[in-house]
């Protein structure tokens, strides 16, 4: 049942984002930034954690989850290091995800031989 719940919640998030892209003139990059910032703000307001516990991977995998991870990292680093934690926390918390994206993106480019469009 956890898989179904994660699939449904993640699908609803993706459907809402697709509607936002279709109905507005916002570019995809701006929508992605909006999602990350929304996840950080929801984490700040202590709304994201209960939502994530309910939805599981359906809430932690999309960009909302990335924003929340950044917020949690900054919060922990500020508690530990003070003001400098603002700059350190996001990098430490998101390093694994960013490295995985780079490695798998590289492997995909080597495997599938990408070409420039003509």
N, C-alpha and C. Protein backbone atom coordinates (compact mmCIF):
# COMPACT_ATOMS: atom_id res chain seq x y z
N UNK A 1 0.82 -1.20 0.00
CA UNK A 1 0.00 0.00 0.00
C UNK A 1 0.86 1.27 0.00
N UNK A 2 2.07 1.17 0.58
CA UNK A 2 2.97 2.32 0.58
C UNK A 2 3.36 2.73 -0.83
N UNK A 3 3.55 1.74 -1.71
CA UNK A 3 3.91 2.05 -3.09
C UNK A 3 2.78 2.78 -3.81
N UNK A 4 1.56 2.35 -3.57
CA UNK A 4 0.41 2.97 -4.21
C UNK A 4 0.25 4.41 -3.73
N UNK A 5 0.40 4.61 -2.43
CA UNK A 5 0.29 5.96 -1.86
C UNK A 5 1.38 6.88 -2.42
N UNK A 6 2.61 6.37 -2.49
CA UNK A 6 3.72 7.17 -3.03
C UNK A 6 3.47 7.50 -4.50
N UNK A 7 2.98 6.51 -5.25
CA UNK A 7 2.70 6.73 -6.67
C UNK A 7 1.61 7.78 -6.85
N UNK A 8 0.56 7.69 -6.07
CA UNK A 8 -0.55 8.63 -6.21
C UNK A 8 -0.15 10.05 -5.81
N UNK A 9 0.53 10.20 -4.69
CA UNK A 9 0.94 11.53 -4.23
C UNK A 9 1.95 12.14 -5.20
N UNK A 10 2.95 11.35 -5.61
CA UNK A 10 3.93 11.85 -6.58
C UNK A 10 3.27 12.20 -7.90
N UNK A 11 2.30 11.39 -8.32
CA UNK A 11 1.57 11.67 -9.56
C UNK A 11 0.75 12.95 -9.46
N UNK A 12 0.15 13.17 -8.31
CA UNK A 12 -0.63 14.40 -8.11
C UNK A 12 0.28 15.63 -8.17
N UNK A 13 1.44 15.53 -7.53
CA UNK A 13 2.40 16.64 -7.58
C UNK A 13 2.81 16.90 -9.02
N UNK A 14 3.14 15.86 -9.76
CA UNK A 14 3.56 16.03 -11.15
C UNK A 14 2.42 16.57 -12.01
N UNK A 15 1.20 16.12 -11.78
CA UNK A 15 0.06 16.62 -12.55
C UNK A 15 -0.17 18.11 -12.27
N UNK A 16 -0.05 18.51 -11.01
CA UNK A 16 -0.21 19.93 -10.68
C UNK A 16 0.86 20.78 -11.33
N UNK A 17 2.08 20.28 -11.36
CA UNK A 17 3.17 21.02 -12.00
C UNK A 17 2.93 21.09 -13.51
N UNK A 18 2.44 20.01 -14.10
CA UNK A 18 2.16 20.03 -15.54
C UNK A 18 1.05 21.03 -15.87
N UNK A 19 0.04 21.09 -15.02
CA UNK A 19 -1.02 22.08 -15.21
C UNK A 19 -0.45 23.50 -15.10
N UNK A 20 0.43 23.71 -14.13
CA UNK A 20 1.07 25.02 -13.98
C UNK A 20 1.87 25.38 -15.23
N UNK A 21 2.58 24.42 -15.78
CA UNK A 21 3.36 24.68 -17.00
C UNK A 21 2.45 24.97 -18.20
N UNK A 22 1.35 24.26 -18.29
CA UNK A 22 0.45 24.43 -19.43
C UNK A 22 -0.37 25.71 -19.35
N UNK A 23 -0.77 26.11 -18.16
CA UNK A 23 -1.69 27.24 -18.00
C UNK A 23 -1.01 28.59 -17.79
N UNK A 24 0.28 28.58 -17.54
CA UNK A 24 0.99 29.85 -17.33
C UNK A 24 2.11 29.97 -18.36
N UNK A 25 2.75 31.11 -18.36
CA UNK A 25 3.87 31.33 -19.27
C UNK A 25 5.21 31.12 -18.56
N UNK A 26 5.17 30.47 -17.40
CA UNK A 26 6.40 30.21 -16.67
C UNK A 26 7.25 29.19 -17.42
N UNK A 27 8.53 29.45 -17.48
CA UNK A 27 9.46 28.52 -18.11
C UNK A 27 9.75 27.37 -17.15
N UNK A 28 10.12 26.20 -17.67
CA UNK A 28 10.37 25.05 -16.80
C UNK A 28 11.41 25.30 -15.71
N UNK A 29 12.45 26.05 -16.03
CA UNK A 29 13.48 26.34 -15.02
C UNK A 29 12.92 27.12 -13.84
N UNK A 30 12.05 28.06 -14.12
CA UNK A 30 11.44 28.85 -13.05
C UNK A 30 10.49 28.00 -12.22
N UNK A 31 9.79 27.09 -12.86
CA UNK A 31 8.89 26.20 -12.11
C UNK A 31 9.71 25.28 -11.21
N UNK A 32 10.86 24.82 -11.70
CA UNK A 32 11.71 23.97 -10.87
C UNK A 32 12.22 24.73 -9.65
N UNK A 33 12.63 25.97 -9.85
CA UNK A 33 13.08 26.80 -8.73
C UNK A 33 11.93 27.04 -7.76
N UNK A 34 10.74 27.27 -8.29
CA UNK A 34 9.55 27.45 -7.46
C UNK A 34 9.28 26.22 -6.60
N UNK A 35 9.44 25.04 -7.16
CA UNK A 35 9.23 23.80 -6.41
C UNK A 35 10.25 23.64 -5.29
N UNK A 36 11.51 23.90 -5.60
CA UNK A 36 12.56 23.77 -4.57
C UNK A 36 12.31 24.76 -3.45
N UNK A 37 11.99 26.00 -3.80
CA UNK A 37 11.73 27.02 -2.77
C UNK A 37 10.48 26.68 -1.96
N UNK A 38 9.46 26.14 -2.62
CA UNK A 38 8.24 25.73 -1.90
C UNK A 38 8.55 24.62 -0.91
N UNK A 39 9.36 23.66 -1.30
CA UNK A 39 9.75 22.60 -0.38
C UNK A 39 10.51 23.13 0.82
N UNK A 40 11.40 24.11 0.59
CA UNK A 40 12.14 24.72 1.70
C UNK A 40 11.21 25.49 2.63
N UNK A 41 10.28 26.23 2.07
CA UNK A 41 9.34 27.01 2.88
C UNK A 41 8.42 26.07 3.67
N UNK A 42 7.94 25.00 3.05
CA UNK A 42 7.10 24.04 3.76
C UNK A 42 7.88 23.35 4.89
N UNK A 43 9.16 23.11 4.66
CA UNK A 43 10.00 22.55 5.73
C UNK A 43 10.18 23.54 6.87
N UNK A 44 10.37 24.81 6.53
CA UNK A 44 10.50 25.85 7.54
C UNK A 44 9.24 25.95 8.39
N UNK A 45 8.09 25.82 7.76
CA UNK A 45 6.80 25.93 8.47
C UNK A 45 6.39 24.64 9.17
N UNK A 46 7.28 23.62 9.15
CA UNK A 46 7.01 22.31 9.77
C UNK A 46 5.77 21.63 9.18
N UNK A 47 5.51 21.88 7.91
CA UNK A 47 4.39 21.23 7.22
C UNK A 47 4.89 20.04 6.41
N UNK A 48 6.11 20.11 5.92
CA UNK A 48 6.59 19.09 4.99
C UNK A 48 6.85 17.75 5.66
N UNK A 49 7.35 17.75 6.88
CA UNK A 49 7.67 16.47 7.53
C UNK A 49 6.45 15.59 7.71
N UNK A 50 5.32 16.08 8.24
CA UNK A 50 4.14 15.21 8.32
C UNK A 50 3.64 14.76 6.95
N UNK A 51 3.73 15.66 5.96
CA UNK A 51 3.34 15.30 4.60
C UNK A 51 4.23 14.20 4.06
N UNK A 52 5.53 14.28 4.32
CA UNK A 52 6.47 13.28 3.85
C UNK A 52 6.27 11.94 4.56
N UNK A 53 5.95 11.98 5.83
CA UNK A 53 5.68 10.74 6.56
C UNK A 53 4.44 10.05 6.00
N UNK A 54 3.45 10.83 5.58
CA UNK A 54 2.24 10.27 5.00
C UNK A 54 2.50 9.73 3.59
N UNK A 55 3.18 10.52 2.76
CA UNK A 55 3.31 10.19 1.34
C UNK A 55 4.53 9.34 1.02
N UNK A 56 5.51 9.28 1.89
CA UNK A 56 6.71 8.50 1.63
C UNK A 56 7.51 9.04 0.46
N UNK A 57 7.91 8.14 -0.44
CA UNK A 57 8.73 8.54 -1.58
C UNK A 57 7.98 9.46 -2.54
N UNK A 58 6.66 9.46 -2.49
CA UNK A 58 5.89 10.36 -3.34
C UNK A 58 6.13 11.81 -3.01
N UNK A 59 6.60 12.08 -1.79
CA UNK A 59 6.90 13.45 -1.39
C UNK A 59 8.39 13.72 -1.32
N UNK A 60 9.20 12.69 -1.12
CA UNK A 60 10.63 12.94 -0.94
C UNK A 60 11.40 12.93 -2.26
N UNK A 61 10.87 12.32 -3.30
CA UNK A 61 11.59 12.23 -4.56
C UNK A 61 11.46 13.48 -5.42
N UNK A 62 10.28 14.11 -5.55
CA UNK A 62 10.18 15.30 -6.40
C UNK A 62 11.02 16.47 -5.88
N UNK A 63 11.05 17.54 -6.64
CA UNK A 63 11.86 18.71 -6.28
C UNK A 63 11.42 19.34 -4.97
N UNK A 64 10.19 19.15 -4.57
CA UNK A 64 9.76 19.62 -3.26
C UNK A 64 10.63 18.99 -2.17
N UNK A 65 10.89 17.71 -2.32
CA UNK A 65 11.73 17.00 -1.35
C UNK A 65 13.15 17.52 -1.33
N UNK A 66 13.67 17.90 -2.50
CA UNK A 66 15.03 18.46 -2.56
C UNK A 66 15.10 19.77 -1.80
N UNK A 67 14.08 20.61 -1.96
CA UNK A 67 14.04 21.86 -1.21
C UNK A 67 13.99 21.63 0.28
N UNK A 68 13.24 20.62 0.69
CA UNK A 68 13.16 20.29 2.11
C UNK A 68 14.50 19.76 2.62
N UNK A 69 15.20 18.96 1.83
CA UNK A 69 16.52 18.47 2.22
C UNK A 69 17.49 19.64 2.40
N UNK A 70 17.44 20.60 1.49
CA UNK A 70 18.30 21.78 1.63
C UNK A 70 17.99 22.52 2.93
N UNK A 71 16.71 22.72 3.21
CA UNK A 71 16.31 23.42 4.43
C UNK A 71 16.80 22.67 5.66
N UNK A 72 16.59 21.36 5.71
CA UNK A 72 17.01 20.58 6.88
C UNK A 72 18.53 20.66 7.07
N UNK A 73 19.28 20.60 5.96
CA UNK A 73 20.73 20.71 6.05
C UNK A 73 21.19 22.05 6.58
N UNK A 74 20.56 23.11 6.10
CA UNK A 74 20.91 24.46 6.57
C UNK A 74 20.56 24.61 8.04
N UNK A 75 19.39 24.11 8.42
CA UNK A 75 18.96 24.21 9.82
C UNK A 75 19.93 23.50 10.76
N UNK A 76 20.33 22.28 10.41
CA UNK A 76 21.27 21.53 11.25
C UNK A 76 22.64 22.20 11.30
N UNK A 77 23.11 22.71 10.15
CA UNK A 77 24.42 23.34 10.11
C UNK A 77 24.44 24.65 10.88
N UNK A 78 23.34 25.40 10.86
CA UNK A 78 23.27 26.64 11.64
C UNK A 78 23.29 26.32 13.12
N UNK A 79 22.59 25.27 13.53
CA UNK A 79 22.61 24.86 14.94
C UNK A 79 24.02 24.46 15.37
N UNK A 80 24.78 23.85 14.46
CA UNK A 80 26.11 23.35 14.80
C UNK A 80 27.20 24.41 14.62
N UNK A 81 27.15 25.16 13.51
CA UNK A 81 28.25 26.06 13.17
C UNK A 81 27.91 27.54 13.25
N UNK A 82 26.69 27.88 13.55
CA UNK A 82 26.31 29.28 13.59
C UNK A 82 26.04 29.84 12.20
N UNK A 83 26.40 31.10 12.01
CA UNK A 83 26.10 31.81 10.77
C UNK A 83 26.68 31.12 9.54
N UNK A 84 27.87 30.56 9.65
CA UNK A 84 28.50 29.90 8.49
C UNK A 84 27.72 28.67 8.04
N UNK A 85 26.89 28.12 8.90
CA UNK A 85 26.06 26.98 8.54
C UNK A 85 25.08 27.28 7.44
N UNK A 86 24.73 28.56 7.28
CA UNK A 86 23.83 28.96 6.19
C UNK A 86 24.45 28.57 4.85
N UNK A 87 25.75 28.71 4.74
CA UNK A 87 26.44 28.44 3.48
C UNK A 87 26.87 26.98 3.35
N UNK A 88 27.11 26.29 4.46
CA UNK A 88 27.59 24.92 4.43
C UNK A 88 26.47 23.88 4.35
N UNK A 89 25.39 24.13 5.04
CA UNK A 89 24.37 23.11 5.25
C UNK A 89 23.74 22.55 4.00
N UNK A 90 23.39 23.41 3.07
CA UNK A 90 22.76 22.95 1.84
C UNK A 90 23.67 22.06 1.02
N UNK A 91 24.95 22.40 0.99
CA UNK A 91 25.90 21.59 0.23
C UNK A 91 26.10 20.22 0.86
N UNK A 92 26.23 20.18 2.16
CA UNK A 92 26.44 18.89 2.83
C UNK A 92 25.21 18.00 2.71
N UNK A 93 24.04 18.58 2.86
CA UNK A 93 22.82 17.77 2.84
C UNK A 93 22.49 17.24 1.45
N UNK A 94 22.84 17.98 0.42
CA UNK A 94 22.44 17.58 -0.93
C UNK A 94 23.57 16.97 -1.75
N UNK A 95 24.74 16.82 -1.16
CA UNK A 95 25.91 16.36 -1.92
C UNK A 95 25.69 14.98 -2.54
N UNK A 96 25.12 14.06 -1.81
CA UNK A 96 24.94 12.69 -2.32
C UNK A 96 23.99 12.70 -3.52
N UNK A 97 22.88 13.40 -3.41
CA UNK A 97 21.92 13.45 -4.50
C UNK A 97 22.48 14.11 -5.75
N UNK A 98 23.23 15.19 -5.56
CA UNK A 98 23.81 15.88 -6.70
C UNK A 98 24.88 15.01 -7.36
N UNK A 99 25.71 14.36 -6.55
CA UNK A 99 26.74 13.46 -7.11
C UNK A 99 26.10 12.31 -7.88
N UNK A 100 25.04 11.74 -7.33
CA UNK A 100 24.35 10.65 -8.03
C UNK A 100 23.78 11.12 -9.36
N UNK A 101 23.20 12.31 -9.38
CA UNK A 101 22.66 12.85 -10.63
C UNK A 101 23.77 13.05 -11.66
N UNK A 102 24.91 13.53 -11.24
CA UNK A 102 26.03 13.74 -12.17
C UNK A 102 26.56 12.41 -12.70
N UNK A 103 26.75 11.44 -11.81
CA UNK A 103 27.29 10.14 -12.23
C UNK A 103 26.33 9.43 -13.17
N UNK A 104 25.05 9.37 -12.81
CA UNK A 104 24.09 8.67 -13.65
C UNK A 104 23.84 9.42 -14.96
N UNK A 105 23.89 10.74 -14.93
CA UNK A 105 23.78 11.52 -16.16
C UNK A 105 24.96 11.25 -17.09
N UNK A 106 26.14 11.16 -16.51
CA UNK A 106 27.33 10.84 -17.32
C UNK A 106 27.21 9.44 -17.90
N UNK A 107 26.83 8.47 -17.08
CA UNK A 107 26.68 7.10 -17.58
C UNK A 107 25.63 7.01 -18.69
N UNK A 108 24.55 7.75 -18.55
CA UNK A 108 23.53 7.76 -19.60
C UNK A 108 24.07 8.37 -20.88
N UNK A 109 24.88 9.43 -20.76
CA UNK A 109 25.42 10.06 -21.97
C UNK A 109 26.44 9.15 -22.66
N UNK A 110 27.20 8.39 -21.89
CA UNK A 110 28.16 7.46 -22.48
C UNK A 110 27.41 6.28 -23.13
N UNK A 111 26.38 5.81 -22.49
CA UNK A 111 25.64 4.65 -22.98
C UNK A 111 24.85 4.96 -24.24
N UNK A 112 24.20 6.11 -24.29
CA UNK A 112 23.26 6.39 -25.37
C UNK A 112 23.79 7.36 -26.44
N UNK A 113 25.03 7.77 -26.39
CA UNK A 113 25.66 8.62 -27.38
C UNK A 113 24.79 9.81 -27.80
N UNK A 114 24.66 10.82 -26.95
CA UNK A 114 23.82 11.97 -27.29
C UNK A 114 24.42 12.78 -28.44
N UNK A 115 23.56 13.39 -29.23
CA UNK A 115 23.99 14.25 -30.34
C UNK A 115 23.25 15.58 -30.27
N UNK A 116 23.87 16.58 -30.82
CA UNK A 116 23.22 17.90 -30.90
C UNK A 116 22.14 17.84 -31.96
N UNK A 117 21.03 18.56 -31.72
CA UNK A 117 19.97 18.63 -32.72
C UNK A 117 20.40 19.52 -33.87
N UNK A 118 19.96 19.19 -35.06
CA UNK A 118 20.32 19.98 -36.24
C UNK A 118 19.23 20.95 -36.57
